[in-house]
Amino acid sequence: MAATPLPSPPVAKPEPPPDPEPAPPPVPTPPPVDYFQRGEELFGGGDYARAAEAYEKFLYDSPTEKHKDQALFQLAIIYAVPGSPSHDLQKAILLLKRVAANFPESPWKAQAQLILDLQADVDRLKSETKEKDERIRDRNERIREMEERIVRLTSELEKLKKIDMERRPTRPPQ
């Protein structure tokens, strides 16, 4: 008898690879920060320290002249405000001078120049006051010295009167 061949084992068909997971949609890159606008918002809200940082970044990073005069002016105001954590009067003056010198057509120039003129007046008045205070101190010292001299001379005069009275012979009653 002839052997019948055994049937071959069924061949497993490879399963097709699973569909790849869809790629997540690309995350849109946020637009670059507009540091000038950010500075304006913070300045308007009274957050002067952070507004100063934003204006400084704007001035450092911005390739154009647009809004630089305003950013310089606002930054100068932040530095000029005595209660501001960023208070630095010398920086404020330098920034205002930059606005006045570098932006002759700027609407901020007149205000910058006015503040500079007023600060010059304040500095002049402080200097005059200091000089007057020194003159007053000198005069007060001279007055004190004169008063002490008057007291000494009065004391000496009294002593001399007493000596003179002791030297005079007493007159007999007439």
N, C-alpha and C. Protein backbone atom coordinates (compact mmCIF):
# COMPACT_ATOMS: atom_id res chain seq x y z
N MET A 1 0.79 -1.14 0.00
CA MET A 1 0.00 0.00 0.00
C MET A 1 0.84 1.21 0.00
N ALA A 2 0.33 2.01 -0.70
CA ALA A 2 1.08 3.25 -0.89
C ALA A 2 0.68 4.21 0.18
N ALA A 3 1.66 4.76 0.68
CA ALA A 3 1.38 5.72 1.79
C ALA A 3 0.88 7.01 1.20
N THR A 4 -0.09 7.47 1.80
CA THR A 4 -0.60 8.77 1.38
C THR A 4 0.18 9.85 2.10
N PRO A 5 0.54 10.78 1.38
CA PRO A 5 1.31 11.86 2.06
C PRO A 5 0.43 12.59 3.04
N LEU A 6 1.05 12.93 4.05
CA LEU A 6 0.33 13.69 5.08
C LEU A 6 0.10 15.10 4.57
N PRO A 7 -1.02 15.61 4.92
CA PRO A 7 -1.24 17.00 4.47
C PRO A 7 -0.29 17.94 5.20
N SER A 8 0.20 18.91 4.53
CA SER A 8 1.14 19.86 5.14
C SER A 8 0.39 20.76 6.11
N PRO A 9 1.09 21.09 7.13
CA PRO A 9 0.41 21.93 8.13
C PRO A 9 0.00 23.26 7.51
N PRO A 10 -1.08 23.76 7.95
CA PRO A 10 -1.50 25.04 7.34
C PRO A 10 -0.47 26.12 7.67
N VAL A 11 -0.17 26.89 6.71
CA VAL A 11 0.80 27.99 6.86
C VAL A 11 0.02 29.20 7.34
N ALA A 12 0.53 29.73 8.41
CA ALA A 12 -0.14 30.93 8.93
C ALA A 12 0.24 32.10 8.07
N LYS A 13 -0.74 32.79 7.65
CA LYS A 13 -0.49 33.98 6.85
C LYS A 13 -0.09 35.10 7.80
N PRO A 14 0.96 35.78 7.48
CA PRO A 14 1.33 36.88 8.40
C PRO A 14 0.25 37.94 8.38
N GLU A 15 -0.01 38.40 9.56
CA GLU A 15 -1.01 39.47 9.65
C GLU A 15 -0.38 40.77 9.19
N PRO A 16 -1.18 41.55 8.54
CA PRO A 16 -0.60 42.83 8.09
C PRO A 16 -0.25 43.67 9.33
N PRO A 17 0.80 44.46 9.23
CA PRO A 17 1.19 45.27 10.39
C PRO A 17 0.06 46.22 10.75
N PRO A 18 -0.05 46.51 12.04
CA PRO A 18 -1.14 47.42 12.41
C PRO A 18 -0.88 48.80 11.83
N ASP A 19 -1.96 49.47 11.60
CA ASP A 19 -1.82 50.83 11.07
C ASP A 19 -1.05 51.67 12.10
N PRO A 20 -0.11 52.48 11.63
CA PRO A 20 0.64 53.30 12.60
C PRO A 20 -0.30 54.30 13.26
N GLU A 21 0.06 54.61 14.52
CA GLU A 21 -0.76 55.58 15.25
C GLU A 21 -0.63 56.91 14.53
N PRO A 22 -1.73 57.60 14.42
CA PRO A 22 -1.62 58.88 13.72
C PRO A 22 -0.72 59.82 14.54
N ALA A 23 0.09 60.57 13.84
CA ALA A 23 1.00 61.52 14.51
C ALA A 23 0.15 62.63 15.13
N PRO A 24 0.56 63.06 16.32
CA PRO A 24 -0.21 64.15 16.92
C PRO A 24 -0.07 65.40 16.05
N PRO A 25 -1.11 66.18 16.06
CA PRO A 25 -1.01 67.38 15.23
C PRO A 25 0.14 68.25 15.75
N PRO A 26 0.82 68.91 14.87
CA PRO A 26 1.95 69.73 15.31
C PRO A 26 1.46 70.85 16.24
N VAL A 27 2.23 71.04 17.28
CA VAL A 27 1.89 72.11 18.23
C VAL A 27 2.33 73.42 17.60
N PRO A 28 1.39 74.33 17.45
CA PRO A 28 1.80 75.59 16.82
C PRO A 28 2.75 76.34 17.76
N THR A 29 3.76 76.90 17.16
CA THR A 29 4.71 77.67 17.98
C THR A 29 4.04 78.99 18.35
N PRO A 30 4.17 79.36 19.61
CA PRO A 30 3.52 80.61 20.00
C PRO A 30 4.21 81.78 19.31
N PRO A 31 3.46 82.81 19.07
CA PRO A 31 4.09 83.98 18.44
C PRO A 31 5.12 84.56 19.41
N PRO A 32 6.13 85.21 18.87
CA PRO A 32 7.13 85.78 19.77
C PRO A 32 6.49 86.82 20.69
N VAL A 33 7.06 86.93 21.87
CA VAL A 33 6.52 87.86 22.86
C VAL A 33 6.76 89.29 22.38
N ASP A 34 5.72 90.07 22.43
CA ASP A 34 5.84 91.50 22.11
C ASP A 34 6.17 92.21 23.41
N TYR A 35 7.48 92.38 23.67
CA TYR A 35 7.92 92.94 24.94
C TYR A 35 7.46 94.38 25.13
N PHE A 36 7.33 95.11 24.03
CA PHE A 36 6.83 96.48 24.17
C PHE A 36 5.40 96.45 24.69
N GLN A 37 4.55 95.65 24.06
CA GLN A 37 3.15 95.57 24.49
C GLN A 37 3.05 95.03 25.92
N ARG A 38 3.89 94.07 26.24
CA ARG A 38 3.91 93.51 27.60
C ARG A 38 4.30 94.59 28.60
N GLY A 39 5.30 95.39 28.24
CA GLY A 39 5.72 96.49 29.10
C GLY A 39 4.60 97.50 29.30
N GLU A 40 3.88 97.79 28.23
CA GLU A 40 2.76 98.74 28.33
C GLU A 40 1.68 98.22 29.29
N GLU A 41 1.37 96.92 29.16
CA GLU A 41 0.34 96.34 30.03
C GLU A 41 0.78 96.37 31.50
N LEU A 42 2.02 95.99 31.75
CA LEU A 42 2.53 95.98 33.13
C LEU A 42 2.64 97.39 33.69
N PHE A 43 3.08 98.32 32.86
CA PHE A 43 3.19 99.72 33.29
C PHE A 43 1.81 100.26 33.66
N GLY A 44 0.84 99.98 32.79
CA GLY A 44 -0.53 100.44 33.05
C GLY A 44 -1.11 99.82 34.31
N GLY A 45 -0.67 98.61 34.65
CA GLY A 45 -1.16 97.93 35.85
C GLY A 45 -0.35 98.28 37.10
N GLY A 46 0.66 99.10 36.95
CA GLY A 46 1.46 99.53 38.10
C GLY A 46 2.53 98.55 38.52
N ASP A 47 2.79 97.52 37.72
CA ASP A 47 3.86 96.56 38.04
C ASP A 47 5.14 97.07 37.38
N TYR A 48 5.74 98.08 38.01
CA TYR A 48 6.85 98.79 37.40
C TYR A 48 8.12 97.95 37.26
N ALA A 49 8.39 97.09 38.20
CA ALA A 49 9.61 96.28 38.12
C ALA A 49 9.56 95.36 36.91
N ARG A 50 8.45 94.68 36.73
CA ARG A 50 8.32 93.77 35.58
C ARG A 50 8.18 94.54 34.27
N ALA A 51 7.53 95.71 34.33
CA ALA A 51 7.43 96.55 33.13
C ALA A 51 8.83 96.98 32.70
N ALA A 52 9.67 97.34 33.65
CA ALA A 52 11.05 97.74 33.32
C ALA A 52 11.78 96.61 32.62
N GLU A 53 11.62 95.38 33.13
CA GLU A 53 12.26 94.23 32.50
C GLU A 53 11.77 94.06 31.06
N ALA A 54 10.46 94.19 30.85
CA ALA A 54 9.90 94.02 29.50
C ALA A 54 10.41 95.11 28.57
N TYR A 55 10.42 96.37 29.02
CA TYR A 55 10.93 97.45 28.17
C TYR A 55 12.41 97.26 27.85
N GLU A 56 13.18 96.81 28.83
CA GLU A 56 14.61 96.60 28.58
C GLU A 56 14.82 95.48 27.55
N LYS A 57 14.04 94.41 27.64
CA LYS A 57 14.14 93.33 26.65
C LYS A 57 13.75 93.85 25.27
N PHE A 58 12.69 94.64 25.23
CA PHE A 58 12.26 95.22 23.96
C PHE A 58 13.37 96.07 23.36
N LEU A 59 13.95 96.95 24.17
CA LEU A 59 14.99 97.84 23.66
C LEU A 59 16.23 97.06 23.21
N TYR A 60 16.53 95.99 23.91
CA TYR A 60 17.70 95.18 23.56
C TYR A 60 17.45 94.34 22.31
N ASP A 61 16.25 93.75 22.19
CA ASP A 61 15.97 92.80 21.12
C ASP A 61 15.41 93.41 19.84
N SER A 62 14.76 94.56 19.93
CA SER A 62 14.04 95.09 18.78
C SER A 62 14.99 95.67 17.74
N PRO A 63 14.87 95.18 16.51
CA PRO A 63 15.76 95.69 15.46
C PRO A 63 15.27 97.03 14.87
N THR A 64 14.02 97.36 15.12
CA THR A 64 13.48 98.59 14.53
C THR A 64 13.44 99.71 15.56
N GLU A 65 13.25 100.91 15.06
CA GLU A 65 13.16 102.09 15.94
C GLU A 65 11.73 102.32 16.43
N LYS A 66 10.78 101.56 15.87
CA LYS A 66 9.38 101.77 16.23
C LYS A 66 9.17 101.55 17.72
N HIS A 67 8.58 102.50 18.38
CA HIS A 67 8.24 102.49 19.80
C HIS A 67 9.44 102.62 20.75
N LYS A 68 10.65 102.73 20.21
CA LYS A 68 11.81 102.82 21.10
C LYS A 68 11.77 104.11 21.92
N ASP A 69 11.31 105.21 21.29
CA ASP A 69 11.24 106.47 22.04
C ASP A 69 10.27 106.35 23.21
N GLN A 70 9.14 105.72 22.96
CA GLN A 70 8.14 105.55 24.02
C GLN A 70 8.64 104.59 25.10
N ALA A 71 9.29 103.51 24.69
CA ALA A 71 9.82 102.55 25.67
C ALA A 71 10.90 103.22 26.53
N LEU A 72 11.77 104.00 25.91
CA LEU A 72 12.79 104.72 26.68
C LEU A 72 12.15 105.69 27.67
N PHE A 73 11.12 106.40 27.21
CA PHE A 73 10.45 107.38 28.07
C PHE A 73 9.76 106.68 29.25
N GLN A 74 9.02 105.61 28.96
CA GLN A 74 8.31 104.89 30.03
C GLN A 74 9.31 104.29 31.02
N LEU A 75 10.41 103.75 30.51
CA LEU A 75 11.43 103.18 31.36
C LEU A 75 12.05 104.28 32.24
N ALA A 76 12.26 105.45 31.67
CA ALA A 76 12.80 106.57 32.45
C ALA A 76 11.83 106.96 33.56
N ILE A 77 10.55 106.95 33.28
CA ILE A 77 9.54 107.29 34.29
C ILE A 77 9.59 106.26 35.42
N ILE A 78 9.73 104.98 35.07
CA ILE A 78 9.81 103.93 36.10
C ILE A 78 11.01 104.19 37.00
N TYR A 79 12.15 104.50 36.39
CA TYR A 79 13.35 104.76 37.19
C TYR A 79 13.24 106.05 37.99
N ALA A 80 12.45 107.00 37.53
CA ALA A 80 12.35 108.30 38.21
C ALA A 80 11.41 108.26 39.40
N VAL A 81 10.46 107.33 39.43
CA VAL A 81 9.47 107.29 40.51
C VAL A 81 10.14 106.89 41.82
N PRO A 82 10.11 107.77 42.84
CA PRO A 82 10.81 107.47 44.09
C PRO A 82 10.34 106.19 44.77
N GLY A 83 9.09 105.83 44.69
CA GLY A 83 8.59 104.64 45.38
C GLY A 83 8.81 103.36 44.61
N SER A 84 9.30 103.46 43.39
CA SER A 84 9.48 102.28 42.55
C SER A 84 10.64 101.42 43.05
N PRO A 85 10.48 100.09 43.01
CA PRO A 85 11.61 99.23 43.39
C PRO A 85 12.79 99.40 42.42
N SER A 86 12.54 99.95 41.25
CA SER A 86 13.58 100.16 40.24
C SER A 86 14.12 101.58 40.27
N HIS A 87 13.83 102.32 41.32
CA HIS A 87 14.21 103.74 41.37
C HIS A 87 15.72 103.93 41.18
N ASP A 88 16.07 104.72 40.14
CA ASP A 88 17.46 105.07 39.87
C ASP A 88 17.41 106.36 39.06
N LEU A 89 17.51 107.48 39.76
CA LEU A 89 17.34 108.78 39.13
C LEU A 89 18.38 109.03 38.05
N GLN A 90 19.61 108.59 38.25
CA GLN A 90 20.65 108.81 37.23
C GLN A 90 20.32 108.06 35.94
N LYS A 91 19.81 106.83 36.04
CA LYS A 91 19.40 106.09 34.84
C LYS A 91 18.26 106.80 34.16
N ALA A 92 17.32 107.30 34.95
CA ALA A 92 16.17 108.01 34.38
C ALA A 92 16.63 109.21 33.58
N ILE A 93 17.56 109.97 34.14
CA ILE A 93 18.05 111.17 33.45
C ILE A 93 18.75 110.78 32.14
N LEU A 94 19.57 109.73 32.19
CA LEU A 94 20.26 109.28 30.97
C LEU A 94 19.27 108.85 29.89
N LEU A 95 18.22 108.13 30.29
CA LEU A 95 17.22 107.69 29.31
C LEU A 95 16.46 108.87 28.73
N LEU A 96 16.10 109.83 29.56
CA LEU A 96 15.40 111.01 29.06
C LEU A 96 16.28 111.81 28.10
N LYS A 97 17.57 111.88 28.40
CA LYS A 97 18.49 112.56 27.49
C LYS A 97 18.57 111.83 26.15
N ARG A 98 18.52 110.49 26.19
CA ARG A 98 18.51 109.72 24.93
C ARG A 98 17.27 110.02 24.11
N VAL A 99 16.13 110.10 24.78
CA VAL A 99 14.88 110.41 24.05
C VAL A 99 15.02 111.78 23.39
N ALA A 100 15.46 112.77 24.17
CA ALA A 100 15.56 114.14 23.65
C ALA A 100 16.59 114.24 22.52
N ALA A 101 17.70 113.54 22.64
CA ALA A 101 18.76 113.66 21.64
C ALA A 101 18.54 112.78 20.41
N ASN A 102 18.06 111.57 20.61
CA ASN A 102 17.99 110.62 19.50
C ASN A 102 16.66 110.60 18.76
N PHE A 103 15.65 111.22 19.31
CA PHE A 103 14.33 111.17 18.68
C PHE A 103 13.76 112.59 18.58
N PRO A 104 14.34 113.43 17.72
CA PRO A 104 13.92 114.83 17.66
C PRO A 104 12.47 115.03 17.22
N GLU A 105 11.91 114.07 16.50
CA GLU A 105 10.53 114.19 16.03
C GLU A 105 9.53 113.48 16.95
N SER A 106 10.00 112.89 18.00
CA SER A 106 9.13 112.10 18.88
C SER A 106 8.18 113.00 19.67
N PRO A 107 6.94 112.52 19.85
CA PRO A 107 6.03 113.26 20.72
C PRO A 107 6.47 113.21 22.18
N TRP A 108 7.38 112.31 22.51
CA TRP A 108 7.88 112.17 23.89
C TRP A 108 9.03 113.12 24.18
N LYS A 109 9.60 113.73 23.14
CA LYS A 109 10.77 114.59 23.33
C LYS A 109 10.44 115.78 24.23
N ALA A 110 9.33 116.45 23.98
CA ALA A 110 8.99 117.65 24.76
C ALA A 110 8.81 117.30 26.24
N GLN A 111 8.15 116.18 26.49
CA GLN A 111 7.95 115.76 27.89
C GLN A 111 9.28 115.38 28.54
N ALA A 112 10.12 114.70 27.78
CA ALA A 112 11.43 114.32 28.31
C ALA A 112 12.24 115.57 28.64
N GLN A 113 12.22 116.54 27.75
CA GLN A 113 12.98 117.77 27.97
C GLN A 113 12.42 118.55 29.15
N LEU A 114 11.11 118.57 29.30
CA LEU A 114 10.49 119.26 30.44
C LEU A 114 10.95 118.62 31.75
N ILE A 115 10.92 117.31 31.81
CA ILE A 115 11.35 116.61 33.04
C ILE A 115 12.83 116.90 33.31
N LEU A 116 13.65 116.88 32.25
CA LEU A 116 15.08 117.19 32.43
C LEU A 116 15.28 118.60 32.95
N ASP A 117 14.52 119.56 32.40
CA ASP A 117 14.62 120.96 32.85
C ASP A 117 14.17 121.09 34.30
N LEU A 118 13.09 120.43 34.64
CA LEU A 118 12.61 120.48 36.03
C LEU A 118 13.62 119.85 36.98
N GLN A 119 14.21 118.73 36.57
CA GLN A 119 15.22 118.09 37.42
C GLN A 119 16.44 118.99 37.58
N ALA A 120 16.81 119.69 36.51
CA ALA A 120 17.94 120.63 36.61
C ALA A 120 17.60 121.75 37.60
N ASP A 121 16.35 122.22 37.57
CA ASP A 121 15.92 123.24 38.53
C ASP A 121 15.97 122.70 39.96
N VAL A 122 15.52 121.47 40.15
CA VAL A 122 15.54 120.86 41.48
C VAL A 122 16.99 120.75 41.97
N ASP A 123 17.88 120.29 41.09
CA ASP A 123 19.29 120.15 41.48
C ASP A 123 19.89 121.51 41.83
N ARG A 124 19.58 122.53 41.03
CA ARG A 124 20.09 123.88 41.29
C ARG A 124 19.56 124.39 42.63
N LEU A 125 18.27 124.20 42.89
CA LEU A 125 17.68 124.66 44.15
C LEU A 125 18.28 123.90 45.34
N LYS A 126 18.52 122.62 45.18
CA LYS A 126 19.15 121.85 46.26
C LYS A 126 20.54 122.40 46.55
N SER A 127 21.27 122.71 45.50
CA SER A 127 22.61 123.25 45.67
C SER A 127 22.57 124.62 46.36
N GLU A 128 21.65 125.47 45.91
CA GLU A 128 21.50 126.79 46.53
C GLU A 128 21.09 126.66 48.00
N THR A 129 20.19 125.74 48.27
CA THR A 129 19.74 125.52 49.65
C THR A 129 20.90 125.05 50.52
N LYS A 130 21.71 124.16 49.98
CA LYS A 130 22.86 123.66 50.73
C LYS A 130 23.82 124.81 51.04
N GLU A 131 24.08 125.65 50.04
CA GLU A 131 24.97 126.79 50.26
C GLU A 131 24.39 127.74 51.31
N LYS A 132 23.10 128.00 51.22
CA LYS A 132 22.46 128.89 52.20
C LYS A 132 22.49 128.27 53.59
N ASP A 133 22.25 126.98 53.68
CA ASP A 133 22.32 126.31 54.99
C ASP A 133 23.72 126.43 55.58
N GLU A 134 24.74 126.29 54.74
CA GLU A 134 26.11 126.43 55.24
C GLU A 134 26.37 127.86 55.72
N ARG A 135 25.88 128.85 54.97
CA ARG A 135 26.05 130.25 55.40
C ARG A 135 25.31 130.50 56.71
N ILE A 136 24.13 129.94 56.84
CA ILE A 136 23.36 130.11 58.09
C ILE A 136 24.11 129.47 59.25
N ARG A 137 24.66 128.26 59.03
CA ARG A 137 25.44 127.61 60.10
C ARG A 137 26.64 128.46 60.49
N ASP A 138 27.32 129.01 59.48
CA ASP A 138 28.47 129.88 59.77
C ASP A 138 28.04 131.11 60.57
N ARG A 139 26.96 131.74 60.17
CA ARG A 139 26.47 132.92 60.88
C ARG A 139 26.04 132.57 62.30
N ASN A 140 25.35 131.44 62.44
CA ASN A 140 24.93 131.01 63.78
C ASN A 140 26.14 130.75 64.68
N GLU A 141 27.19 130.20 64.11
CA GLU A 141 28.41 129.96 64.88
C GLU A 141 29.03 131.29 65.30
N ARG A 142 29.07 132.24 64.37
CA ARG A 142 29.62 133.56 64.73
C ARG A 142 28.76 134.24 65.79
N ILE A 143 27.45 134.11 65.69
CA ILE A 143 26.56 134.71 66.70
C ILE A 143 26.81 134.05 68.05
N ARG A 144 26.94 132.74 68.07
CA ARG A 144 27.21 132.03 69.33
C ARG A 144 28.52 132.51 69.93
N GLU A 145 29.55 132.63 69.08
CA GLU A 145 30.84 133.11 69.58
C GLU A 145 30.71 134.53 70.13
N MET A 146 29.95 135.39 69.46
CA MET A 146 29.76 136.77 69.92
C MET A 146 28.99 136.80 71.24
N GLU A 147 27.99 135.96 71.35
CA GLU A 147 27.23 135.90 72.60
C GLU A 147 28.13 135.45 73.76
N GLU A 148 28.97 134.46 73.50
CA GLU A 148 29.91 134.02 74.53
C GLU A 148 30.87 135.14 74.90
N ARG A 149 31.31 135.89 73.93
CA ARG A 149 32.22 137.02 74.19
C ARG A 149 31.52 138.09 75.01
N ILE A 150 30.26 138.36 74.66
CA ILE A 150 29.49 139.36 75.42
C ILE A 150 29.37 138.92 76.88
N VAL A 151 29.08 137.62 77.10
CA VAL A 151 28.96 137.12 78.47
C VAL A 151 30.30 137.30 79.20
N ARG A 152 31.41 136.96 78.56
CA ARG A 152 32.73 137.12 79.18
C ARG A 152 33.02 138.59 79.48
N LEU A 153 32.74 139.44 78.50
CA LEU A 153 33.01 140.88 78.71
C LEU A 153 32.12 141.47 79.79
N THR A 154 30.89 141.04 79.84
CA THR A 154 29.98 141.52 80.89
C THR A 154 30.50 141.09 82.26
N SER A 155 30.96 139.85 82.35
CA SER A 155 31.50 139.35 83.60
C SER A 155 32.75 140.15 83.99
N GLU A 156 33.63 140.39 83.02
CA GLU A 156 34.82 141.17 83.31
C GLU A 156 34.46 142.60 83.73
N LEU A 157 33.47 143.18 83.08
CA LEU A 157 33.04 144.53 83.43
C LEU A 157 32.52 144.58 84.85
N GLU A 158 31.76 143.59 85.23
CA GLU A 158 31.23 143.55 86.60
C GLU A 158 32.38 143.43 87.60
N LYS A 159 33.37 142.62 87.28
CA LYS A 159 34.52 142.47 88.16
C LYS A 159 35.28 143.80 88.28
N LEU A 160 35.44 144.47 87.14
CA LEU A 160 36.14 145.77 87.16
C LEU A 160 35.36 146.81 87.95
N LYS A 161 34.06 146.81 87.82
CA LYS A 161 33.23 147.74 88.59
C LYS A 161 33.42 147.49 90.08
N LYS A 162 33.42 146.24 90.43
CA LYS A 162 33.57 145.87 91.84
C LYS A 162 34.94 146.32 92.35
N ILE A 163 35.97 146.09 91.56
CA ILE A 163 37.32 146.52 91.95
C ILE A 163 37.36 148.03 92.08
N ASP A 164 36.77 148.70 91.13
CA ASP A 164 36.75 150.16 91.16
C ASP A 164 36.02 150.68 92.38
N MET A 165 34.93 150.05 92.73
CA MET A 165 34.16 150.48 93.90
C MET A 165 34.97 150.25 95.18
N GLU A 166 35.74 149.21 95.21
CA GLU A 166 36.54 148.92 96.40
C GLU A 166 37.71 149.89 96.54
N ARG A 167 38.23 150.42 95.48
CA ARG A 167 39.34 151.34 95.50
C ARG A 167 38.93 152.75 95.91
N ARG A 168 37.78 153.12 95.56
CA ARG A 168 37.35 154.49 95.87
C ARG A 168 37.21 154.67 97.37
N PRO A 169 37.69 155.81 97.80
CA PRO A 169 37.50 156.07 99.23
C PRO A 169 36.03 156.33 99.50
N THR A 170 35.64 155.90 100.61
CA THR A 170 34.26 156.18 100.97
C THR A 170 34.15 157.63 101.35
N ARG A 171 33.15 158.29 100.96
CA ARG A 171 32.94 159.70 101.27
C ARG A 171 32.16 159.85 102.57
N PRO A 172 32.66 160.80 103.33
CA PRO A 172 31.87 161.04 104.54
C PRO A 172 30.54 161.68 104.19
N PRO A 173 29.57 161.43 104.95
CA PRO A 173 28.29 162.05 104.66
C PRO A 173 28.38 163.55 104.84
N GLN A 174 27.76 164.30 104.08
CA GLN A 174 27.79 165.75 104.15
C GLN A 174 26.57 166.34 104.71
